Amino acid sequence: MKEKVKNDGKINRAILKTITDGPKTIPRIAEEINMQPHIVTYYLMTLLKYGKVEVGEIDDMDEYYNYNIKK
């Protein structure tokens, strides 16, 4: 259990670090942290639920939303 909590925190920090320099889509975040998009989606939705990130504009291809750190 302790290892899972530690790993979850590590992934959350990696996601937040990736979007500190600007909004990004799930596929872009996944690519930058070398993780599968469905895993990034799970953690990103958790960060969204707890108010750490917010949904931004949809991308130019109208496929994915961008995510930002909540101000």
C-alpha atoms as a PDB file:
ATOM      1  CA  MET A   1       0.000   0.000   0.000  1.00  0.00           C
ATOM      2  CA  LYS A   2       2.797   2.407   0.912  1.00  0.00           C
ATOM      3  CA  GLU A   3       4.527   1.779  -2.431  1.00  0.00           C
ATOM      4  CA  LYS A   4       1.294   2.486  -4.355  1.00  0.00           C
ATOM      5  CA  VAL A   5       0.829   5.802  -2.594  1.00  0.00           C
ATOM      6  CA  LYS A   6       4.445   6.694  -3.315  1.00  0.00           C
ATOM      7  CA  ASN A   7       4.071   5.700  -6.986  1.00  0.00           C
ATOM      8  CA  ASP A   8       0.793   7.632  -7.334  1.00  0.00           C
ATOM      9  CA  GLY A   9       2.464  10.757  -5.979  1.00  0.00           C
ATOM     10  CA  LYS A  10       5.360  10.337  -8.384  1.00  0.00           C
ATOM     11  CA  ILE A  11       3.011  10.096 -11.383  1.00  0.00           C
ATOM     12  CA  ASN A  12       0.917  13.063 -10.214  1.00  0.00           C
ATOM     13  CA  ARG A  13       4.045  15.195  -9.802  1.00  0.00           C
ATOM     14  CA  ALA A  14       5.288  14.195 -13.262  1.00  0.00           C
ATOM     15  CA  ILE A  15       1.968  15.214 -14.835  1.00  0.00           C
ATOM     16  CA  LEU A  16       1.877  18.530 -12.976  1.00  0.00           C
ATOM     17  CA  LYS A  17       5.490  19.269 -13.893  1.00  0.00           C
ATOM     18  CA  THR A  18       4.727  18.605 -17.552  1.00  0.00           C
ATOM     19  CA  ILE A  19       1.904  21.156 -17.667  1.00  0.00           C
ATOM     20  CA  THR A  20       3.624  23.887 -15.644  1.00  0.00           C
ATOM     21  CA  ASP A  21       4.985  25.438 -18.832  1.00  0.00           C
ATOM     22  CA  GLY A  22       1.588  25.520 -20.525  1.00  0.00           C
ATOM     23  CA  PRO A  23      -1.539  23.526 -21.313  1.00  0.00           C
ATOM     24  CA  LYS A  24      -1.187  20.120 -22.917  1.00  0.00           C
ATOM     25  CA  THR A  25      -3.417  17.320 -24.190  1.00  0.00           C
ATOM     26  CA  ILE A  26      -3.456  13.832 -22.728  1.00  0.00           C
ATOM     27  CA  PRO A  27      -1.501  12.307 -25.640  1.00  0.00           C
ATOM     28  CA  ARG A  28       1.151  15.022 -25.353  1.00  0.00           C
ATOM     29  CA  ILE A  29       1.483  14.535 -21.583  1.00  0.00           C
ATOM     30  CA  ALA A  30       1.689  10.764 -22.066  1.00  0.00           C
ATOM     31  CA  GLU A  31       4.442  11.168 -24.641  1.00  0.00           C
ATOM     32  CA  GLU A  32       6.447  13.542 -22.455  1.00  0.00           C
ATOM     33  CA  ILE A  33       6.361  11.318 -19.376  1.00  0.00           C
ATOM     34  CA  ASN A  34       6.623   8.081 -21.360  1.00  0.00           C
ATOM     35  CA  MET A  35       3.370   6.590 -20.116  1.00  0.00           C
ATOM     36  CA  GLN A  36       0.323   5.152 -21.849  1.00  0.00           C
ATOM     37  CA  PRO A  37      -2.524   7.641 -22.450  1.00  0.00           C
ATOM     38  CA  HIS A  38      -5.120   5.614 -20.526  1.00  0.00           C
ATOM     39  CA  ILE A  39      -2.931   5.704 -17.411  1.00  0.00           C
ATOM     40  CA  VAL A  40      -2.372   9.456 -17.781  1.00  0.00           C
ATOM     41  CA  THR A  41      -6.139   9.881 -18.175  1.00  0.00           C
ATOM     42  CA  TYR A  42      -6.784   8.103 -14.868  1.00  0.00           C
ATOM     43  CA  TYR A  43      -4.333  10.244 -12.931  1.00  0.00           C
ATOM     44  CA  LEU A  44      -5.329  13.446 -14.703  1.00  0.00           C
ATOM     45  CA  MET A  45      -9.008  12.874 -13.882  1.00  0.00           C
ATOM     46  CA  THR A  46      -8.022  12.390 -10.237  1.00  0.00           C
ATOM     47  CA  LEU A  47      -6.092  15.684 -10.301  1.00  0.00           C
ATOM     48  CA  LEU A  48      -9.136  17.325 -11.924  1.00  0.00           C
ATOM     49  CA  LYS A  49     -11.481  15.901  -9.264  1.00  0.00           C
ATOM     50  CA  TYR A  50      -9.343  17.330  -6.461  1.00  0.00           C
ATOM     51  CA  GLY A  51      -8.966  20.747  -8.065  1.00  0.00           C
ATOM     52  CA  LYS A  52      -5.288  20.577  -9.017  1.00  0.00           C
ATOM     53  CA  VAL A  53      -5.873  20.974 -12.770  1.00  0.00           C
ATOM     54  CA  GLU A  54      -8.539  22.460 -15.000  1.00  0.00           C
ATOM     55  CA  VAL A  55      -9.819  21.783 -18.502  1.00  0.00           C
ATOM     56  CA  GLY A  56      -8.737  24.310 -21.088  1.00  0.00           C
ATOM     57  CA  GLU A  57      -9.498  24.812 -24.744  1.00  0.00           C
ATOM     58  CA  ILE A  58      -9.902  21.980 -27.240  1.00  0.00           C
ATOM     59  CA  ASP A  59      -6.932  21.433 -29.564  1.00  0.00           C
ATOM     60  CA  ASP A  60      -6.757  22.604 -33.191  1.00  0.00           C
ATOM     61  CA  MET A  61      -7.879  19.210 -34.482  1.00  0.00           C
ATOM     62  CA  ASP A  62     -10.995  19.244 -32.239  1.00  0.00           C
ATOM     63  CA  GLU A  63      -9.910  15.929 -30.739  1.00  0.00           C
ATOM     64  CA  TYR A  64      -8.485  16.551 -27.266  1.00  0.00           C
ATOM     65  CA  TYR A  65      -8.861  19.073 -24.501  1.00  0.00           C
ATOM     66  CA  ASN A  66      -5.854  20.814 -23.064  1.00  0.00           C
ATOM     67  CA  TYR A  67      -5.251  20.639 -19.326  1.00  0.00           C
ATOM     68  CA  ASN A  68      -3.746  23.387 -17.186  1.00  0.00           C
ATOM     69  CA  ILE A  69      -2.657  23.728 -13.594  1.00  0.00           C
ATOM     70  CA  LYS A  70      -5.545  25.338 -11.734  1.00  0.00           C
ATOM     71  CA  LYS A  71      -4.804  28.869 -10.623  1.00  0.00           C
END
